[in-house]
C-alpha atoms as a PDB file:
ATOM      1  CA  MET A   1     114.854  34.220 132.369  1.00  0.00           C
ATOM      2  CA  ALA A   2     112.486  31.271 132.742  1.00  0.00           C
ATOM      3  CA  ILE A   3     113.619  28.480 135.043  1.00  0.00           C
ATOM      4  CA  GLU A   4     113.765  25.936 132.190  1.00  0.00           C
ATOM      5  CA  TRP A   5     116.368  28.016 130.361  1.00  0.00           C
ATOM      6  CA  ILE A   6     118.429  28.471 133.516  1.00  0.00           C
ATOM      7  CA  LEU A   7     118.442  24.705 134.014  1.00  0.00           C
ATOM      8  CA  ALA A   8     119.300  24.141 130.339  1.00  0.00           C
ATOM      9  CA  TYR A   9     122.353  26.409 130.512  1.00  0.00           C
ATOM     10  CA  LEU A  10     123.497  24.859 133.808  1.00  0.00           C
ATOM     11  CA  LEU A  11     123.156  21.348 132.371  1.00  0.00           C
ATOM     12  CA  LEU A  12     125.036  22.383 129.232  1.00  0.00           C
ATOM     13  CA  GLY A  13     127.856  23.791 131.369  1.00  0.00           C
ATOM     14  CA  ALA A  14     128.043  20.591 133.416  1.00  0.00           C
ATOM     15  CA  VAL A  15     128.297  18.409 130.291  1.00  0.00           C
ATOM     16  CA  VAL A  16     130.789  20.690 128.525  1.00  0.00           C
ATOM     17  CA  GLY A  17     133.098  20.881 131.535  1.00  0.00           C
ATOM     18  CA  PHE A  18     132.974  17.146 132.154  1.00  0.00           C
ATOM     19  CA  MET A  19     133.726  16.243 128.536  1.00  0.00           C
ATOM     20  CA  ALA A  20     136.529  18.811 128.337  1.00  0.00           C
ATOM     21  CA  GLY A  21     138.153  17.316 131.420  1.00  0.00           C
ATOM     22  CA  LEU A  22     137.602  13.709 130.357  1.00  0.00           C
ATOM     23  CA  LEU A  23     138.619  13.917 126.704  1.00  0.00           C
ATOM     24  CA  GLY A  24     140.648  17.144 126.599  1.00  0.00           C
ATOM     25  CA  ILE A  25     138.269  18.549 123.996  1.00  0.00           C
ATOM     26  CA  GLY A  26     136.942  22.097 124.035  1.00  0.00           C
ATOM     27  CA  GLY A  27     133.252  22.743 124.388  1.00  0.00           C
ATOM     28  CA  GLY A  28     132.506  24.552 121.128  1.00  0.00           C
ATOM     29  CA  GLY A  29     131.507  21.365 119.339  1.00  0.00           C
ATOM     30  CA  ILE A  30     128.822  20.752 121.954  1.00  0.00           C
ATOM     31  CA  MET A  31     127.929  24.315 122.890  1.00  0.00           C
ATOM     32  CA  VAL A  32     127.330  25.867 119.473  1.00  0.00           C
ATOM     33  CA  PRO A  33     124.705  23.362 118.219  1.00  0.00           C
ATOM     34  CA  ILE A  34     122.892  23.242 121.571  1.00  0.00           C
ATOM     35  CA  LEU A  35     122.976  27.017 122.042  1.00  0.00           C
ATOM     36  CA  THR A  36     121.607  27.422 118.523  1.00  0.00           C
ATOM     37  CA  THR A  37     118.670  25.177 119.454  1.00  0.00           C
ATOM     38  CA  ILE A  38     118.075  26.910 122.807  1.00  0.00           C
ATOM     39  CA  PHE A  39     118.235  30.394 121.284  1.00  0.00           C
ATOM     40  CA  ALA A  40     115.768  29.345 118.575  1.00  0.00           C
ATOM     41  CA  ALA A  41     113.389  28.013 121.235  1.00  0.00           C
ATOM     42  CA  GLN A  42     113.711  31.324 123.094  1.00  0.00           C
ATOM     43  CA  GLY A  43     112.473  33.142 119.993  1.00  0.00           C
ATOM     44  CA  ILE A  44     115.724  34.790 118.897  1.00  0.00           C
ATOM     45  CA  PRO A  45     115.587  35.714 115.171  1.00  0.00           C
ATOM     46  CA  GLN A  46     117.153  33.138 112.873  1.00  0.00           C
ATOM     47  CA  GLU A  47     119.619  35.593 111.330  1.00  0.00           C
ATOM     48  CA  HIS A  48     121.430  35.896 114.692  1.00  0.00           C
ATOM     49  CA  LEU A  49     121.267  32.302 115.937  1.00  0.00           C
ATOM     50  CA  VAL A  50     124.697  30.994 114.958  1.00  0.00           C
ATOM     51  CA  HIS A  51     126.450  34.332 115.562  1.00  0.00           C
ATOM     52  CA  LEU A  52     125.133  34.432 119.140  1.00  0.00           C
ATOM     53  CA  ALA A  53     125.961  30.756 119.658  1.00  0.00           C
ATOM     54  CA  LEU A  54     129.555  31.286 118.472  1.00  0.00           C
ATOM     55  CA  GLY A  55     130.113  34.445 120.524  1.00  0.00           C
ATOM     56  CA  THR A  56     128.534  33.038 123.674  1.00  0.00           C
ATOM     57  CA  SER A  57     130.436  29.781 123.332  1.00  0.00           C
ATOM     58  CA  MET A  58     133.715  31.650 122.842  1.00  0.00           C
ATOM     59  CA  ALA A  59     133.155  33.716 125.984  1.00  0.00           C
ATOM     60  CA  SER A  60     132.231  30.598 127.960  1.00  0.00           C
ATOM     61  CA  ILE A  61     135.605  29.057 127.095  1.00  0.00           C
ATOM     62  CA  VAL A  62     137.596  31.888 128.765  1.00  0.00           C
ATOM     63  CA  ILE A  63     137.424  30.570 132.342  1.00  0.00           C
ATOM     64  CA  THR A  64     138.144  26.991 131.252  1.00  0.00           C
ATOM     65  CA  ALA A  65     141.085  28.193 129.158  1.00  0.00           C
ATOM     66  CA  PHE A  66     142.536  30.152 132.083  1.00  0.00           C
ATOM     67  CA  SER A  67     142.192  27.172 134.421  1.00  0.00           C
ATOM     68  CA  SER A  68     143.840  24.859 131.887  1.00  0.00           C
ATOM     69  CA  LEU A  69     146.698  27.326 131.307  1.00  0.00           C
ATOM     70  CA  ARG A  70     147.445  27.516 135.044  1.00  0.00           C
ATOM     71  CA  ALA A  71     147.390  23.739 135.435  1.00  0.00           C
ATOM     72  CA  HIS A  72     149.797  23.079 132.557  1.00  0.00           C
ATOM     73  CA  ASN A  73     152.081  25.927 133.575  1.00  0.00           C
ATOM     74  CA  ARG A  74     152.417  24.421 137.060  1.00  0.00           C
ATOM     75  CA  HIS A  75     153.738  21.280 135.398  1.00  0.00           C
ATOM     76  CA  GLN A  76     156.186  23.362 133.315  1.00  0.00           C
ATOM     77  CA  ALA A  77     154.607  22.031 130.110  1.00  0.00           C
ATOM     78  CA  VAL A  78     154.231  25.396 128.366  1.00  0.00           C
ATOM     79  CA  LEU A  79     156.809  26.434 125.771  1.00  0.00           C
ATOM     80  CA  TRP A  80     156.512  30.168 126.391  1.00  0.00           C
ATOM     81  CA  PRO A  81     158.872  31.247 123.553  1.00  0.00           C
ATOM     82  CA  VAL A  82     156.494  29.530 121.113  1.00  0.00           C
ATOM     83  CA  VAL A  83     153.481  31.141 122.804  1.00  0.00           C
ATOM     84  CA  TRP A  84     154.980  34.645 122.475  1.00  0.00           C
ATOM     85  CA  LYS A  85     155.822  34.039 118.800  1.00  0.00           C
ATOM     86  CA  ILE A  86     152.441  32.657 117.782  1.00  0.00           C
ATOM     87  CA  THR A  87     150.134  34.866 119.884  1.00  0.00           C
ATOM     88  CA  PRO A  88     150.242  38.066 117.734  1.00  0.00           C
ATOM     89  CA  ALA A  89     149.174  36.094 114.648  1.00  0.00           C
ATOM     90  CA  ILE A  90     146.593  34.200 116.737  1.00  0.00           C
ATOM     91  CA  LEU A  91     145.056  37.524 117.807  1.00  0.00           C
ATOM     92  CA  VAL A  92     144.968  38.877 114.246  1.00  0.00           C
ATOM     93  CA  GLY A  93     143.482  35.669 112.879  1.00  0.00           C
ATOM     94  CA  THR A  94     140.857  35.402 115.613  1.00  0.00           C
ATOM     95  CA  LEU A  95     139.735  39.041 115.441  1.00  0.00           C
ATOM     96  CA  SER A  96     139.640  38.977 111.632  1.00  0.00           C
ATOM     97  CA  ALA A  97     137.515  35.826 111.663  1.00  0.00           C
ATOM     98  CA  THR A  98     134.959  37.353 114.052  1.00  0.00           C
ATOM     99  CA  TRP A  99     134.655  40.296 111.647  1.00  0.00           C
ATOM    100  CA  LEU A 100     134.145  37.847 108.761  1.00  0.00           C
ATOM    101  CA  ALA A 101     131.606  35.852 110.783  1.00  0.00           C
ATOM    102  CA  ALA A 102     129.562  39.004 111.402  1.00  0.00           C
ATOM    103  CA  LEU A 103     129.310  39.502 107.627  1.00  0.00           C
ATOM    104  CA  LEU A 104     128.317  35.930 106.830  1.00  0.00           C
ATOM    105  CA  PRO A 105     124.697  34.755 106.960  1.00  0.00           C
ATOM    106  CA  THR A 106     123.658  32.238 109.586  1.00  0.00           C
ATOM    107  CA  LYS A 107     123.278  29.398 107.071  1.00  0.00           C
ATOM    108  CA  ALA A 108     126.804  29.833 105.700  1.00  0.00           C
ATOM    109  CA  LEU A 109     128.264  29.812 109.230  1.00  0.00           C
ATOM    110  CA  GLY A 110     126.242  26.736 110.097  1.00  0.00           C
ATOM    111  CA  ILE A 111     127.479  24.847 107.046  1.00  0.00           C
ATOM    112  CA  PHE A 112     131.130  25.745 107.758  1.00  0.00           C
ATOM    113  CA  PHE A 113     130.771  24.718 111.410  1.00  0.00           C
ATOM    114  CA  SER A 114     129.170  21.380 110.506  1.00  0.00           C
ATOM    115  CA  CYS A 115     131.810  20.579 107.867  1.00  0.00           C
ATOM    116  CA  PHE A 116     134.625  21.324 110.299  1.00  0.00           C
ATOM    117  CA  MET A 117     133.030  19.210 113.041  1.00  0.00           C
ATOM    118  CA  ALA A 118     132.636  16.344 110.544  1.00  0.00           C
ATOM    119  CA  TYR A 119     136.388  16.604 109.879  1.00  0.00           C
ATOM    120  CA  VAL A 120     137.165  16.603 113.630  1.00  0.00           C
ATOM    121  CA  ALA A 121     134.833  13.651 114.224  1.00  0.00           C
ATOM    122  CA  LEU A 122     136.449  11.656 111.402  1.00  0.00           C
ATOM    123  CA  GLN A 123     139.889  12.324 112.857  1.00  0.00           C
ATOM    124  CA  MET A 124     138.723  11.063 116.244  1.00  0.00           C
ATOM    125  CA  ILE A 125     137.029   7.937 114.873  1.00  0.00           C
ATOM    126  CA  LEU A 126     140.045   6.979 112.729  1.00  0.00           C
ATOM    127  CA  ASN A 127     142.534   8.204 115.372  1.00  0.00           C
ATOM    128  CA  ILE A 128     144.388  10.222 112.739  1.00  0.00           C
ATOM    129  CA  LYS A 129     147.446  12.008 114.110  1.00  0.00           C
ATOM    130  CA  PRO A 130     150.123  13.882 112.165  1.00  0.00           C
ATOM    131  CA  LYS A 131     153.484  12.140 112.165  1.00  0.00           C
ATOM    132  CA  PRO A 132     156.418  14.291 113.325  1.00  0.00           C
ATOM    133  CA  SER A 133     158.202  15.231 110.122  1.00  0.00           C
ATOM    134  CA  ARG A 134     159.937  18.567 110.653  1.00  0.00           C
ATOM    135  CA  GLN A 135     161.116  21.156 113.154  1.00  0.00           C
ATOM    136  CA  LEU A 136     159.324  24.293 114.273  1.00  0.00           C
ATOM    137  CA  PRO A 137     159.467  26.927 111.513  1.00  0.00           C
ATOM    138  CA  GLY A 138     160.725  30.475 111.977  1.00  0.00           C
ATOM    139  CA  THR A 139     158.625  33.475 112.894  1.00  0.00           C
ATOM    140  CA  ALA A 140     156.987  33.692 109.446  1.00  0.00           C
ATOM    141  CA  GLY A 141     155.947  30.037 109.466  1.00  0.00           C
ATOM    142  CA  ILE A 142     154.647  30.199 113.020  1.00  0.00           C
ATOM    143  CA  SER A 143     152.709  33.366 112.156  1.00  0.00           C
ATOM    144  CA  ILE A 144     151.001  31.674 109.198  1.00  0.00           C
ATOM    145  CA  ALA A 145     150.047  28.781 111.493  1.00  0.00           C
ATOM    146  CA  GLY A 146     148.788  31.238 114.101  1.00  0.00           C
ATOM    147  CA  LEU A 147     146.605  33.092 111.580  1.00  0.00           C
ATOM    148  CA  SER A 148     145.048  29.803 110.466  1.00  0.00           C
ATOM    149  CA  ILE A 149     144.531  28.460 113.998  1.00  0.00           C
ATOM    150  CA  GLY A 150     143.037  31.733 115.248  1.00  0.00           C
ATOM    151  CA  GLY A 151     140.784  32.154 112.228  1.00  0.00           C
ATOM    152  CA  ILE A 152     139.327  28.652 112.231  1.00  0.00           C
ATOM    153  CA  SER A 153     138.976  28.647 116.031  1.00  0.00           C
ATOM    154  CA  ALA A 154     136.903  31.839 115.949  1.00  0.00           C
ATOM    155  CA  LEU A 155     134.637  30.543 113.187  1.00  0.00           C
ATOM    156  CA  VAL A 156     133.809  27.347 115.089  1.00  0.00           C
ATOM    157  CA  ALA A 157     134.187  28.674 118.675  1.00  0.00           C
ATOM    158  CA  ILE A 158     136.940  26.370 119.922  1.00  0.00           C
ATOM    159  CA  GLY A 159     140.027  27.078 121.956  1.00  0.00           C
ATOM    160  CA  GLY A 160     142.221  25.824 119.125  1.00  0.00           C
ATOM    161  CA  GLY A 161     143.492  22.811 121.051  1.00  0.00           C
ATOM    162  CA  SER A 162     143.079  20.204 118.324  1.00  0.00           C
ATOM    163  CA  LEU A 163     144.659  22.489 115.727  1.00  0.00           C
ATOM    164  CA  THR A 164     147.568  23.697 117.861  1.00  0.00           C
ATOM    165  CA  VAL A 165     148.442  20.242 119.199  1.00  0.00           C
ATOM    166  CA  SER A 166     148.397  18.816 115.665  1.00  0.00           C
ATOM    167  CA  PHE A 167     150.673  21.589 114.385  1.00  0.00           C
ATOM    168  CA  LEU A 168     153.162  21.289 117.238  1.00  0.00           C
ATOM    169  CA  THR A 169     153.384  17.491 117.190  1.00  0.00           C
ATOM    170  CA  TRP A 170     153.894  17.650 113.415  1.00  0.00           C
ATOM    171  CA  CYS A 171     156.857  19.907 114.226  1.00  0.00           C
ATOM    172  CA  ASN A 172     158.403  17.297 116.564  1.00  0.00           C
ATOM    173  CA  VAL A 173     157.302  18.955 119.811  1.00  0.00           C
ATOM    174  CA  ARG A 174     156.782  16.414 122.617  1.00  0.00           C
ATOM    175  CA  ILE A 175     153.103  15.705 123.172  1.00  0.00           C
ATOM    176  CA  GLN A 176     153.181  16.956 126.788  1.00  0.00           C
ATOM    177  CA  HIS A 177     154.637  20.291 125.677  1.00  0.00           C
ATOM    178  CA  ALA A 178     152.295  20.436 122.680  1.00  0.00           C
ATOM    179  CA  ILE A 179     149.258  20.056 124.941  1.00  0.00           C
ATOM    180  CA  GLY A 180     150.569  22.536 127.521  1.00  0.00           C
ATOM    181  CA  THR A 181     151.485  25.124 124.885  1.00  0.00           C
ATOM    182  CA  SER A 182     148.122  24.626 123.219  1.00  0.00           C
ATOM    183  CA  ALA A 183     146.425  25.330 126.561  1.00  0.00           C
ATOM    184  CA  ALA A 184     148.351  28.602 126.836  1.00  0.00           C
ATOM    185  CA  VAL A 185     147.438  29.578 123.273  1.00  0.00           C
ATOM    186  CA  GLY A 186     143.777  28.856 124.040  1.00  0.00           C
ATOM    187  CA  MET A 187     143.596  31.840 126.368  1.00  0.00           C
ATOM    188  CA  PRO A 188     144.288  34.582 123.765  1.00  0.00           C
ATOM    189  CA  ILE A 189     142.008  32.755 121.308  1.00  0.00           C
ATOM    190  CA  ALA A 190     139.123  32.762 123.798  1.00  0.00           C
ATOM    191  CA  LEU A 191     139.690  36.389 124.842  1.00  0.00           C
ATOM    192  CA  ALA A 192     140.152  37.744 121.314  1.00  0.00           C
ATOM    193  CA  GLY A 193     137.189  35.732 120.064  1.00  0.00           C
ATOM    194  CA  SER A 194     134.942  37.020 122.836  1.00  0.00           C
ATOM    195  CA  ILE A 195     135.992  40.625 122.296  1.00  0.00           C
ATOM    196  CA  GLY A 196     135.673  40.272 118.522  1.00  0.00           C
ATOM    197  CA  TYR A 197     132.131  38.900 118.715  1.00  0.00           C
ATOM    198  CA  MET A 198     131.147  41.657 121.147  1.00  0.00           C
ATOM    199  CA  ILE A 199     132.572  44.426 118.935  1.00  0.00           C
ATOM    200  CA  ASN A 200     131.366  43.051 115.599  1.00  0.00           C
ATOM    201  CA  GLY A 201     127.904  42.402 116.963  1.00  0.00           C
ATOM    202  CA  TRP A 202     127.621  45.822 118.599  1.00  0.00           C
ATOM    203  CA  ASN A 203     124.232  47.517 118.047  1.00  0.00           C
ATOM    204  CA  THR A 204     122.852  44.430 116.295  1.00  0.00           C
ATOM    205  CA  PRO A 205     119.054  44.645 116.638  1.00  0.00           C
ATOM    206  CA  ASN A 206     116.838  41.973 118.204  1.00  0.00           C
ATOM    207  CA  THR A 207     119.513  40.343 120.344  1.00  0.00           C
ATOM    208  CA  PRO A 208     118.466  39.176 123.838  1.00  0.00           C
ATOM    209  CA  ASP A 209     118.572  41.478 126.855  1.00  0.00           C
ATOM    210  CA  TYR A 210     121.916  41.460 128.673  1.00  0.00           C
ATOM    211  CA  SER A 211     123.798  40.690 125.467  1.00  0.00           C
ATOM    212  CA  VAL A 212     126.885  42.607 124.411  1.00  0.00           C
ATOM    213  CA  GLY A 213     127.148  42.201 120.677  1.00  0.00           C
ATOM    214  CA  TYR A 214     126.940  38.487 119.967  1.00  0.00           C
ATOM    215  CA  VAL A 215     127.719  37.410 123.540  1.00  0.00           C
ATOM    216  CA  TYR A 216     124.737  36.547 125.754  1.00  0.00           C
ATOM    217  CA  PHE A 217     126.125  36.966 129.257  1.00  0.00           C
ATOM    218  CA  PRO A 218     123.449  35.154 131.310  1.00  0.00           C
ATOM    219  CA  ALA A 219     124.284  31.990 129.353  1.00  0.00           C
ATOM    220  CA  VAL A 220     128.042  32.606 129.724  1.00  0.00           C
ATOM    221  CA  ILE A 221     127.755  32.921 133.500  1.00  0.00           C
ATOM    222  CA  LEU A 222     125.547  29.850 133.953  1.00  0.00           C
ATOM    223  CA  ILE A 223     127.597  27.646 131.619  1.00  0.00           C
ATOM    224  CA  SER A 224     130.909  28.728 133.196  1.00  0.00           C
ATOM    225  CA  LEU A 225     129.563  28.232 136.706  1.00  0.00           C
ATOM    226  CA  LEU A 226     129.043  24.494 136.197  1.00  0.00           C
ATOM    227  CA  SER A 227     131.866  23.759 133.752  1.00  0.00           C
ATOM    228  CA  TYR A 228     134.407  25.128 136.236  1.00  0.00           C
ATOM    229  CA  PHE A 229     133.423  22.434 138.737  1.00  0.00           C
ATOM    230  CA  THR A 230     132.777  19.487 136.400  1.00  0.00           C
ATOM    231  CA  ALA A 231     136.004  19.770 134.380  1.00  0.00           C
ATOM    232  CA  PRO A 232     138.167  18.447 137.276  1.00  0.00           C
ATOM    233  CA  ILE A 233     135.747  15.521 137.717  1.00  0.00           C
ATOM    234  CA  GLY A 234     136.167  14.567 134.088  1.00  0.00           C
ATOM    235  CA  ALA A 235     139.946  14.911 134.368  1.00  0.00           C
ATOM    236  CA  ARG A 236     140.042  12.547 137.357  1.00  0.00           C
ATOM    237  CA  LEU A 237     137.943   9.940 135.534  1.00  0.00           C
ATOM    238  CA  ALA A 238     140.096  10.150 132.419  1.00  0.00           C
ATOM    239  CA  HIS A 239     142.472   7.566 133.901  1.00  0.00           C
ATOM    240  CA  LYS A 240     139.685   5.165 134.868  1.00  0.00           C
ATOM    241  CA  MET A 241     137.445   5.118 131.781  1.00  0.00           C
ATOM    242  CA  PRO A 242     137.986   3.801 128.226  1.00  0.00           C
ATOM    243  CA  VAL A 243     138.842   7.186 126.724  1.00  0.00           C
ATOM    244  CA  ALA A 244     139.571   5.802 123.234  1.00  0.00           C
ATOM    245  CA  THR A 245     136.069   4.317 123.004  1.00  0.00           C
ATOM    246  CA  LEU A 246     134.511   7.426 124.516  1.00  0.00           C
ATOM    247  CA  LYS A 247     136.193   9.615 121.888  1.00  0.00           C
ATOM    248  CA  LYS A 248     134.509   7.626 119.127  1.00  0.00           C
ATOM    249  CA  VAL A 249     131.141   7.968 120.871  1.00  0.00           C
ATOM    250  CA  PHE A 250     131.799  11.690 121.316  1.00  0.00           C
ATOM    251  CA  ALA A 251     132.674  11.987 117.618  1.00  0.00           C
ATOM    252  CA  CYS A 252     129.298  10.492 116.708  1.00  0.00           C
ATOM    253  CA  LEU A 253     127.643  12.940 119.121  1.00  0.00           C
ATOM    254  CA  LEU A 254     129.378  15.848 117.364  1.00  0.00           C
ATOM    255  CA  MET A 255     127.975  14.673 114.049  1.00  0.00           C
ATOM    256  CA  VAL A 256     124.439  14.341 115.424  1.00  0.00           C
ATOM    257  CA  LEU A 257     124.555  17.775 117.093  1.00  0.00           C
ATOM    258  CA  SER A 258     125.887  19.415 113.933  1.00  0.00           C
ATOM    259  CA  LEU A 259     123.117  17.868 111.855  1.00  0.00           C
ATOM    260  CA  LYS A 260     120.585  19.029 114.435  1.00  0.00           C
ATOM    261  CA  MET A 261     121.971  22.570 114.178  1.00  0.00           C
ATOM    262  CA  LEU A 262     121.610  22.515 110.387  1.00  0.00           C
ATOM    263  CA  GLN A 263     118.039  21.314 110.785  1.00  0.00           C
ATOM    264  CA  THR A 264     117.325  24.210 113.170  1.00  0.00           C
ATOM    265  CA  ILE A 265     118.743  26.963 110.964  1.00  0.00           C
ATOM    266  CA  PHE A 266     117.369  25.616 107.669  1.00  0.00           C
ATOM    267  CA  PHE A 267     113.970  24.328 108.730  1.00  0.00           C
ATOM    268  CA  GLY A 268     113.314  25.991 112.111  1.00  0.00           C
END
């Protein structure tokens, strides 16, 4: 790999980890558009760009998700009964979505990703939060939520944090427990998503060397290497910086990156 690509992946990992620690937001919104651009510059065929970006991003989230799970569990913020109930549906939803993603063309995936990121950005700019209005549903209701969270998370390569926290707070779960439980749920999403993109991209022609399916492992290693160290820095600064303002700036960044990704896959 050329030195400029190594530096690009390291820089991406540093930014993703820092923003995740500072704002509590997963890296898919940043990683997928930038990886799409990098892969295109490396000469990877257009029909695989978004698939590889999603799979590689999902695999890069695994270490961050594990670290976050451990941290929240130490503070006893994880509602494990909820995790055990929702995880089977999360796994089914995530794996099914990676299968669907493998069937969809790059342009369709890019449009879905950009529309979802526009929705997330709008929520952040307007500070829209669901008002607690009910209690946690039974197993059937939690399973339906898990299928939806897992499916959408796999299609946009996120750990499901924004979706899970919104669902749990809507169900009158305290925000600390909602965030901690969401962190625990992020681990099976990241693992199932990574495995799904590897399996469903198996034997795909013209993928880069050292790829397994739609996961490009050199990028995963380099991104994870830096994000592991910069996430705690962002977390420490979260109490010293104007996070509310930064979220609005970050939302605008998500919009710009998504538009850039669409430009890459539609116009090269």
